[in-house]
Amino acid sequence: MYTLDMGSTAATRVSIDEYLSNPAYEHCEYVDGEIVELKLGKKKHSLIQSECVYQLKQYQKQSGLGTVLTELHCRLTINGQTRFRLPDVCVVLRDFDGILDGAP
């Protein structure tokens, strides 16, 4: 079993299955087999994120286009390697279940 030391900057190598099933990695990204800890934003970051969500939701309600989400697991394949990214805010224009395959 792997644990994530929130004070550590050392990379932890795990399988994709371990990354997706271990709750300790829920708010981490996965890059080329390594767990990448996301740094929690401070007040300014949080204010910007919430304003982006608010503005995008207003547009989404008027246009009916897409779904506005935060920290959505997005599975990408880059140079043959699987990566999972969690954008602060994203708009998804297609239907999906659970994890988004590709970029929002």
N, C-alpha and C. Protein backbone atom coordinates (compact mmCIF):
# COMPACT_ATOMS: atom_id res chain seq x y z
N MET A 1 0.84 -1.18 0.00
CA MET A 1 0.00 0.00 0.00
C MET A 1 0.88 1.24 0.00
N TYR A 2 0.45 2.25 -0.73
CA TYR A 2 1.19 3.50 -0.82
C TYR A 2 0.47 4.57 -0.03
N THR A 3 1.23 5.43 0.57
CA THR A 3 0.63 6.58 1.23
C THR A 3 1.30 7.82 0.68
N LEU A 4 0.60 8.91 0.74
CA LEU A 4 1.12 10.16 0.20
C LEU A 4 1.50 11.05 1.37
N ASP A 5 2.76 11.41 1.41
CA ASP A 5 3.25 12.33 2.44
C ASP A 5 3.06 13.74 1.90
N MET A 6 2.07 14.45 2.41
CA MET A 6 1.74 15.77 1.89
C MET A 6 2.87 16.77 2.07
N GLY A 7 3.83 16.48 2.89
CA GLY A 7 4.95 17.39 3.06
C GLY A 7 6.12 17.04 2.15
N SER A 8 6.01 15.93 1.45
CA SER A 8 7.11 15.45 0.64
C SER A 8 6.97 15.91 -0.80
N THR A 9 8.11 16.14 -1.45
CA THR A 9 8.10 16.46 -2.87
C THR A 9 8.61 15.28 -3.68
N ALA A 10 8.94 14.18 -3.04
CA ALA A 10 9.43 13.00 -3.74
C ALA A 10 8.30 12.36 -4.53
N ALA A 11 8.62 11.89 -5.73
CA ALA A 11 7.64 11.25 -6.59
C ALA A 11 7.38 9.82 -6.10
N THR A 12 6.13 9.38 -6.22
CA THR A 12 5.74 8.03 -5.87
C THR A 12 5.27 7.34 -7.14
N ARG A 13 5.90 6.23 -7.52
CA ARG A 13 5.52 5.50 -8.73
C ARG A 13 4.47 4.45 -8.38
N VAL A 14 3.37 4.47 -9.14
CA VAL A 14 2.29 3.50 -8.93
C VAL A 14 1.69 3.14 -10.28
N SER A 15 0.90 2.08 -10.29
CA SER A 15 0.17 1.69 -11.50
C SER A 15 -1.06 2.59 -11.66
N ILE A 16 -1.63 2.58 -12.86
CA ILE A 16 -2.85 3.35 -13.09
C ILE A 16 -3.97 2.83 -12.19
N ASP A 17 -4.08 1.51 -12.05
CA ASP A 17 -5.13 0.93 -11.20
C ASP A 17 -4.99 1.42 -9.75
N GLU A 18 -3.76 1.45 -9.25
CA GLU A 18 -3.53 1.93 -7.88
C GLU A 18 -3.89 3.41 -7.77
N TYR A 19 -3.51 4.19 -8.76
CA TYR A 19 -3.84 5.62 -8.76
C TYR A 19 -5.35 5.84 -8.70
N LEU A 20 -6.08 5.10 -9.52
CA LEU A 20 -7.53 5.30 -9.59
C LEU A 20 -8.28 4.73 -8.39
N SER A 21 -7.71 3.74 -7.71
CA SER A 21 -8.43 3.09 -6.62
C SER A 21 -8.04 3.58 -5.22
N ASN A 22 -6.92 4.26 -5.10
CA ASN A 22 -6.45 4.68 -3.78
C ASN A 22 -6.99 6.07 -3.43
N PRO A 23 -7.83 6.18 -2.41
CA PRO A 23 -8.39 7.49 -2.03
C PRO A 23 -7.34 8.54 -1.69
N ALA A 24 -6.15 8.11 -1.31
CA ALA A 24 -5.09 9.07 -0.98
C ALA A 24 -4.66 9.88 -2.20
N TYR A 25 -4.96 9.36 -3.40
CA TYR A 25 -4.54 10.03 -4.63
C TYR A 25 -5.67 10.81 -5.31
N GLU A 26 -6.80 10.91 -4.65
CA GLU A 26 -7.98 11.54 -5.26
C GLU A 26 -7.71 12.96 -5.76
N HIS A 27 -6.90 13.71 -5.04
CA HIS A 27 -6.61 15.09 -5.43
C HIS A 27 -5.18 15.25 -5.93
N CYS A 28 -4.70 14.20 -6.60
CA CYS A 28 -3.36 14.19 -7.18
C CYS A 28 -3.48 13.92 -8.67
N GLU A 29 -2.47 14.37 -9.41
CA GLU A 29 -2.39 14.05 -10.82
C GLU A 29 -1.45 12.85 -11.01
N TYR A 30 -1.51 12.26 -12.18
CA TYR A 30 -0.70 11.07 -12.50
C TYR A 30 0.04 11.37 -13.80
N VAL A 31 1.36 11.38 -13.73
CA VAL A 31 2.17 11.72 -14.90
C VAL A 31 3.25 10.66 -15.09
N ASP A 32 3.13 9.92 -16.17
CA ASP A 32 4.14 8.91 -16.52
C ASP A 32 4.46 7.96 -15.37
N GLY A 33 3.43 7.49 -14.69
CA GLY A 33 3.61 6.52 -13.61
C GLY A 33 3.90 7.12 -12.25
N GLU A 34 3.96 8.43 -12.16
CA GLU A 34 4.26 9.07 -10.88
C GLU A 34 3.08 9.88 -10.38
N ILE A 35 2.89 9.86 -9.08
CA ILE A 35 1.86 10.66 -8.42
C ILE A 35 2.41 12.08 -8.26
N VAL A 36 1.62 13.05 -8.69
CA VAL A 36 2.02 14.45 -8.57
C VAL A 36 1.01 15.15 -7.66
N GLU A 37 1.50 15.54 -6.51
CA GLU A 37 0.65 16.20 -5.53
C GLU A 37 0.26 17.59 -6.03
N LEU A 38 -1.02 17.90 -5.98
CA LEU A 38 -1.47 19.24 -6.32
C LEU A 38 -1.37 20.12 -5.08
N LYS A 39 -0.81 21.26 -5.25
CA LYS A 39 -0.71 22.21 -4.14
C LYS A 39 -2.06 22.90 -3.99
N LEU A 40 -2.53 22.96 -2.77
CA LEU A 40 -3.79 23.62 -2.52
C LEU A 40 -3.62 25.12 -2.68
N GLY A 41 -4.59 25.72 -3.38
CA GLY A 41 -4.53 27.16 -3.59
C GLY A 41 -4.84 27.92 -2.32
N LYS A 42 -4.40 29.14 -2.31
CA LYS A 42 -4.70 30.02 -1.18
C LYS A 42 -5.90 30.88 -1.55
N LYS A 43 -6.20 31.85 -0.75
CA LYS A 43 -7.40 32.65 -0.92
C LYS A 43 -7.53 33.25 -2.33
N LYS A 44 -6.47 33.88 -2.84
CA LYS A 44 -6.56 34.51 -4.15
C LYS A 44 -6.88 33.48 -5.24
N HIS A 45 -6.20 32.34 -5.19
CA HIS A 45 -6.45 31.28 -6.16
C HIS A 45 -7.90 30.81 -6.08
N SER A 46 -8.38 30.60 -4.88
CA SER A 46 -9.75 30.13 -4.67
C SER A 46 -10.78 31.15 -5.17
N LEU A 47 -10.50 32.42 -4.94
CA LEU A 47 -11.41 33.47 -5.43
C LEU A 47 -11.45 33.50 -6.96
N ILE A 48 -10.30 33.36 -7.58
CA ILE A 48 -10.26 33.34 -9.05
C ILE A 48 -10.99 32.12 -9.59
N GLN A 49 -10.75 30.97 -8.97
CA GLN A 49 -11.41 29.74 -9.39
C GLN A 49 -12.93 29.86 -9.27
N SER A 50 -13.40 30.37 -8.15
CA SER A 50 -14.85 30.48 -7.96
C SER A 50 -15.46 31.51 -8.91
N GLU A 51 -14.75 32.58 -9.22
CA GLU A 51 -15.26 33.57 -10.17
C GLU A 51 -15.33 32.97 -11.58
N CYS A 52 -14.33 32.18 -11.94
CA CYS A 52 -14.36 31.51 -13.25
C CYS A 52 -15.57 30.57 -13.34
N VAL A 53 -15.78 29.79 -12.30
CA VAL A 53 -16.93 28.88 -12.28
C VAL A 53 -18.23 29.68 -12.40
N TYR A 54 -18.35 30.73 -11.64
CA TYR A 54 -19.57 31.55 -11.67
C TYR A 54 -19.82 32.09 -13.08
N GLN A 55 -18.80 32.70 -13.69
CA GLN A 55 -18.98 33.29 -15.03
C GLN A 55 -19.30 32.21 -16.07
N LEU A 56 -18.59 31.09 -16.01
CA LEU A 56 -18.85 30.01 -16.97
C LEU A 56 -20.24 29.41 -16.78
N LYS A 57 -20.68 29.28 -15.52
CA LYS A 57 -22.03 28.76 -15.26
C LYS A 57 -23.10 29.71 -15.80
N GLN A 58 -22.88 31.02 -15.67
CA GLN A 58 -23.83 31.99 -16.20
C GLN A 58 -23.95 31.82 -17.72
N TYR A 59 -22.82 31.70 -18.39
CA TYR A 59 -22.83 31.49 -19.84
C TYR A 59 -23.49 30.16 -20.19
N GLN A 60 -23.15 29.12 -19.43
CA GLN A 60 -23.72 27.79 -19.70
C GLN A 60 -25.24 27.81 -19.55
N LYS A 61 -25.75 28.50 -18.56
CA LYS A 61 -27.21 28.58 -18.37
C LYS A 61 -27.89 29.28 -19.54
N GLN A 62 -27.25 30.32 -20.07
CA GLN A 62 -27.83 31.06 -21.20
C GLN A 62 -27.72 30.29 -22.51
N SER A 63 -26.60 29.63 -22.72
CA SER A 63 -26.35 28.96 -24.01
C SER A 63 -26.83 27.51 -24.03
N GLY A 64 -26.88 26.89 -22.85
CA GLY A 64 -27.22 25.47 -22.79
C GLY A 64 -26.09 24.57 -23.23
N LEU A 65 -24.89 25.13 -23.40
CA LEU A 65 -23.75 24.36 -23.89
C LEU A 65 -22.87 23.86 -22.74
N GLY A 66 -22.58 22.60 -22.75
CA GLY A 66 -21.56 22.05 -21.87
C GLY A 66 -21.95 21.92 -20.41
N THR A 67 -20.97 21.43 -19.67
CA THR A 67 -21.08 21.26 -18.23
C THR A 67 -19.83 21.88 -17.61
N VAL A 68 -20.01 22.72 -16.60
CA VAL A 68 -18.89 23.37 -15.92
C VAL A 68 -18.52 22.51 -14.71
N LEU A 69 -17.24 22.15 -14.62
CA LEU A 69 -16.78 21.26 -13.56
C LEU A 69 -15.46 21.74 -12.99
N THR A 70 -15.15 21.28 -11.78
CA THR A 70 -13.86 21.56 -11.16
C THR A 70 -13.18 20.24 -10.82
N GLU A 71 -11.86 20.24 -10.92
CA GLU A 71 -11.03 19.08 -10.57
C GLU A 71 -11.55 17.76 -11.13
N LEU A 72 -11.90 17.77 -12.40
CA LEU A 72 -12.36 16.57 -13.08
C LEU A 72 -11.16 15.76 -13.55
N HIS A 73 -11.16 14.46 -13.26
CA HIS A 73 -10.08 13.60 -13.75
C HIS A 73 -10.19 13.47 -15.27
N CYS A 74 -9.16 13.92 -15.97
CA CYS A 74 -9.08 13.85 -17.43
C CYS A 74 -7.93 12.94 -17.81
N ARG A 75 -8.23 11.87 -18.56
CA ARG A 75 -7.20 10.91 -18.98
C ARG A 75 -6.67 11.35 -20.35
N LEU A 76 -5.36 11.57 -20.41
CA LEU A 76 -4.70 12.00 -21.64
C LEU A 76 -3.62 10.99 -22.01
N THR A 77 -3.36 10.85 -23.30
CA THR A 77 -2.23 10.04 -23.75
C THR A 77 -1.29 10.97 -24.49
N ILE A 78 -0.08 11.12 -23.96
CA ILE A 78 0.92 12.03 -24.52
C ILE A 78 2.19 11.23 -24.77
N ASN A 79 2.61 11.19 -26.02
CA ASN A 79 3.80 10.41 -26.41
C ASN A 79 3.70 8.97 -25.92
N GLY A 80 2.51 8.39 -26.01
CA GLY A 80 2.30 7.01 -25.62
C GLY A 80 2.19 6.77 -24.13
N GLN A 81 2.27 7.80 -23.32
CA GLN A 81 2.18 7.68 -21.86
C GLN A 81 0.82 8.20 -21.38
N THR A 82 0.25 7.50 -20.41
CA THR A 82 -1.03 7.93 -19.85
C THR A 82 -0.80 8.92 -18.73
N ARG A 83 -1.58 9.98 -18.77
CA ARG A 83 -1.54 11.00 -17.73
C ARG A 83 -2.96 11.32 -17.30
N PHE A 84 -3.12 11.63 -16.04
CA PHE A 84 -4.40 12.12 -15.53
C PHE A 84 -4.17 13.52 -14.99
N ARG A 85 -4.94 14.46 -15.49
CA ARG A 85 -4.84 15.84 -15.03
C ARG A 85 -6.16 16.24 -14.38
N LEU A 86 -6.09 17.17 -13.44
CA LEU A 86 -7.27 17.69 -12.76
C LEU A 86 -7.28 19.21 -12.92
N PRO A 87 -7.89 19.71 -13.99
CA PRO A 87 -7.92 21.16 -14.16
C PRO A 87 -8.74 21.83 -13.05
N ASP A 88 -8.32 23.03 -12.68
CA ASP A 88 -9.06 23.78 -11.66
C ASP A 88 -10.52 23.96 -12.06
N VAL A 89 -10.72 24.35 -13.31
CA VAL A 89 -12.06 24.59 -13.86
C VAL A 89 -12.04 24.13 -15.31
N CYS A 90 -13.11 23.48 -15.75
CA CYS A 90 -13.19 23.10 -17.16
C CYS A 90 -14.63 23.08 -17.62
N VAL A 91 -14.80 23.14 -18.93
CA VAL A 91 -16.11 23.01 -19.55
C VAL A 91 -16.04 21.81 -20.48
N VAL A 92 -16.96 20.88 -20.30
CA VAL A 92 -16.99 19.68 -21.12
C VAL A 92 -18.23 19.78 -22.01
N LEU A 93 -18.02 19.64 -23.31
CA LEU A 93 -19.10 19.80 -24.28
C LEU A 93 -19.73 18.48 -24.71
N ARG A 94 -19.23 17.36 -24.19
CA ARG A 94 -19.77 16.06 -24.57
C ARG A 94 -20.16 15.26 -23.33
N ASP A 95 -20.94 14.23 -23.55
CA ASP A 95 -21.37 13.36 -22.45
C ASP A 95 -20.24 12.38 -22.11
N PHE A 96 -20.12 12.03 -20.84
CA PHE A 96 -19.10 11.08 -20.41
C PHE A 96 -19.53 10.51 -19.07
N ASP A 97 -18.89 9.40 -18.70
CA ASP A 97 -19.13 8.78 -17.41
C ASP A 97 -17.84 8.76 -16.61
N GLY A 98 -17.87 9.29 -15.40
CA GLY A 98 -16.72 9.20 -14.50
C GLY A 98 -15.53 10.03 -14.92
N ILE A 99 -14.56 9.37 -15.53
CA ILE A 99 -13.33 10.01 -15.96
C ILE A 99 -13.46 10.44 -17.42
N LEU A 100 -13.05 11.64 -17.73
CA LEU A 100 -13.11 12.15 -19.10
C LEU A 100 -11.91 11.65 -19.88
N ASP A 101 -12.14 11.00 -21.00
CA ASP A 101 -11.05 10.60 -21.89
C ASP A 101 -10.78 11.74 -22.85
N GLY A 102 -9.59 12.34 -22.71
CA GLY A 102 -9.21 13.47 -23.52
C GLY A 102 -9.33 14.77 -22.75
N ALA A 103 -9.01 15.84 -23.44
CA ALA A 103 -9.05 17.16 -22.81
C ALA A 103 -10.48 17.70 -22.81
N PRO A 104 -10.82 18.49 -21.80
CA PRO A 104 -12.17 19.09 -21.80
C PRO A 104 -12.29 20.13 -22.90
